[in-house]
Amino acid sequence: FEADFLFSDQLTAVVSQTHPLAQMRELTWSEVGLEKIVAYREGSHVYQMIETTLATQGILFAPQATYHFRQSLFGVALSGQAITILPSLSLNRTMPPGLVEIPIADPIVSRQYFIVSRRHRAMTGEARRLRRFLLEQLTRSADF
């Protein structure tokens, strides 16, 4: 297989503007592990990333609750009862007013997106055009 890198998407904390962490410029995973957390359902890719990262810090991931939908996570975070951890890429388009995004470092945890194709196999014309279009758009886009 061959892979063309598209972009990466960092996990970030989302908290209510009234939460004590809201004034922080950056958090560590050790600091996140001290908070009540709501997350996507167990078994989801994001849940597994959080669980694995906290485990490397010696912290057991025991979320206060898990949900299937982002809007549910936002609702609990807005209440100030817990924080949530989400991929940052789409937050500027989906996050409701009243929430703050705080980057999490030490370590930075992100997921990478690629176009994967079979090596030594010709792509169809449509697939080549789609790959070229995506790579051109992402190169031009300031969001990535």
Protein backbone atom coordinates (compact mmCIF):
# COMPACT_ATOMS: atom_id res chain seq x y z
CA PHE A 1 0.00 0.00 0.00
CA GLU A 2 0.93 3.65 -0.49
CA ALA A 3 -0.29 6.49 1.67
CA ASP A 4 -0.66 10.19 0.88
CA PHE A 5 -0.84 12.22 4.09
CA LEU A 6 -3.80 14.62 4.21
CA PHE A 7 -3.86 16.19 7.69
CA SER A 8 -3.82 15.51 11.41
CA ASP A 9 -6.41 16.26 14.06
CA GLN A 10 -5.27 16.86 17.66
CA LEU A 11 -7.30 15.87 20.72
CA THR A 12 -8.26 18.91 22.78
CA ALA A 13 -10.19 19.60 25.97
CA VAL A 14 -13.55 21.37 25.76
CA VAL A 15 -14.82 23.08 28.90
CA SER A 16 -17.48 25.56 29.92
CA GLN A 17 -16.38 29.20 29.98
CA THR A 18 -17.23 29.11 33.69
CA HIS A 19 -15.08 26.04 34.44
CA PRO A 20 -11.90 26.71 36.48
CA LEU A 21 -9.77 25.34 33.60
CA ALA A 22 -11.25 27.78 31.09
CA GLN A 23 -8.47 30.30 31.74
CA MET A 24 -5.69 27.79 31.00
CA ARG A 25 -3.75 28.21 27.75
CA GLU A 26 -2.77 24.54 27.64
CA LEU A 27 -3.29 21.38 29.70
CA THR A 28 -1.26 18.24 30.30
CA TRP A 29 -2.81 14.80 30.25
CA SER A 30 -1.98 14.50 33.94
CA GLU A 31 -4.11 17.59 34.61
CA VAL A 32 -6.91 16.22 32.42
CA GLY A 33 -6.83 12.96 34.39
CA LEU A 34 -7.80 14.84 37.55
CA GLU A 35 -11.06 16.11 36.03
CA LYS A 36 -14.49 14.58 35.60
CA ILE A 37 -14.65 13.61 31.94
CA VAL A 38 -17.48 12.75 29.58
CA ALA A 39 -16.50 11.00 26.38
CA TYR A 40 -17.71 9.24 23.29
CA ARG A 41 -18.89 5.69 23.93
CA GLU A 42 -16.46 2.99 24.95
CA GLY A 43 -14.92 1.33 21.94
CA SER A 44 -14.91 4.49 19.85
CA HIS A 45 -11.59 5.56 18.39
CA VAL A 46 -11.52 8.76 20.46
CA TYR A 47 -12.33 6.85 23.68
CA GLN A 48 -9.48 4.43 22.98
CA MET A 49 -7.04 7.27 22.31
CA ILE A 50 -7.95 8.96 25.60
CA GLU A 51 -7.79 5.69 27.55
CA THR A 52 -4.39 4.75 26.10
CA THR A 53 -2.90 8.21 26.65
CA LEU A 54 -4.07 8.42 30.26
CA ALA A 55 -2.75 4.91 30.88
CA THR A 56 0.72 6.05 29.78
CA GLN A 57 0.45 8.66 32.55
CA GLY A 58 -0.51 5.98 35.08
CA ILE A 59 -4.12 7.23 35.20
CA LEU A 60 -7.15 4.93 34.90
CA PHE A 61 -9.70 6.38 32.49
CA ALA A 62 -13.09 6.22 34.21
CA PRO A 63 -15.39 8.67 32.44
CA GLN A 64 -18.33 10.12 34.32
CA ALA A 65 -20.53 9.18 31.36
CA THR A 66 -20.26 8.20 27.69
CA TYR A 67 -22.41 9.30 24.78
CA HIS A 68 -22.90 8.53 21.12
CA PHE A 69 -23.34 12.13 19.98
CA ARG A 70 -21.13 15.20 20.14
CA GLN A 71 -24.05 17.43 21.09
CA SER A 72 -24.56 15.38 24.26
CA LEU A 73 -20.91 15.89 25.18
CA PHE A 74 -21.26 19.62 24.53
CA GLY A 75 -24.37 19.75 26.73
CA VAL A 76 -22.63 18.22 29.74
CA ALA A 77 -19.57 20.41 29.22
CA LEU A 78 -21.81 23.50 29.01
CA SER A 79 -23.32 22.58 32.37
CA GLY A 80 -19.85 22.79 33.92
CA GLN A 81 -20.25 19.33 35.48
CA ALA A 82 -17.44 17.77 33.42
CA ILE A 83 -15.02 18.38 30.60
CA THR A 84 -14.89 16.50 27.33
CA ILE A 85 -12.04 15.64 24.99
CA LEU A 86 -12.63 15.86 21.27
CA PRO A 87 -10.75 16.07 17.99
CA SER A 88 -10.09 19.76 17.36
CA LEU A 89 -10.51 19.94 13.61
CA SER A 90 -14.25 20.53 13.40
CA LEU A 91 -14.78 22.32 16.71
CA ASN A 92 -14.72 25.77 15.16
CA ARG A 93 -17.75 24.73 13.08
CA THR A 94 -19.72 22.75 15.65
CA MET A 95 -18.91 24.03 19.14
CA PRO A 96 -21.75 26.05 20.68
CA PRO A 97 -21.19 29.40 22.40
CA GLY A 98 -20.22 29.10 26.05
CA LEU A 99 -17.49 26.50 25.53
CA VAL A 100 -13.73 26.93 25.37
CA GLU A 101 -11.20 24.74 23.59
CA ILE A 102 -7.92 24.10 25.44
CA PRO A 103 -5.06 22.26 23.69
CA ILE A 104 -3.66 19.24 25.52
CA ALA A 105 0.08 18.66 25.38
CA ASP A 106 2.58 16.39 27.03
CA PRO A 107 2.05 14.40 24.92
CA ILE A 108 0.23 15.85 21.93
CA VAL A 109 -2.20 13.18 20.76
CA SER A 110 -3.56 13.33 17.26
CA ARG A 111 -4.94 11.14 14.56
CA GLN A 112 -3.66 11.30 11.02
CA TYR A 113 -5.67 11.05 7.82
CA PHE A 114 -4.32 9.52 4.62
CA ILE A 115 -5.46 8.44 1.21
CA VAL A 116 -4.39 4.82 0.97
CA SER A 117 -4.03 3.10 -2.38
CA ARG A 118 -2.60 -0.17 -3.59
CA ARG A 119 1.02 0.04 -4.65
CA HIS A 120 1.73 -0.97 -8.25
CA ARG A 121 -1.97 -0.83 -9.14
CA ALA A 122 -3.30 1.89 -11.38
CA MET A 123 -6.02 4.02 -9.81
CA THR A 124 -9.10 4.71 -11.87
CA GLY A 125 -9.28 8.12 -13.48
CA GLU A 126 -11.98 9.18 -11.01
CA ALA A 127 -9.88 8.10 -8.04
CA ARG A 128 -6.80 9.96 -9.36
CA ARG A 129 -8.86 13.12 -9.88
CA LEU A 130 -10.36 12.85 -6.39
CA ARG A 131 -6.91 12.37 -4.82
CA ARG A 132 -5.48 15.32 -6.76
CA PHE A 133 -8.47 17.50 -5.81
CA LEU A 134 -8.17 16.64 -2.10
CA LEU A 135 -4.44 17.23 -2.01
CA GLU A 136 -4.78 20.56 -3.85
CA GLN A 137 -7.60 21.75 -1.60
CA LEU A 138 -5.79 20.79 1.58
CA THR A 139 -2.60 22.46 0.39
CA ARG A 140 -4.53 25.70 -0.23
CA SER A 141 -6.64 25.58 2.93
CA ALA A 142 -5.48 27.56 5.95
CA ASP A 143 -7.63 25.36 8.22
CA PHE A 144 -5.25 22.43 7.89
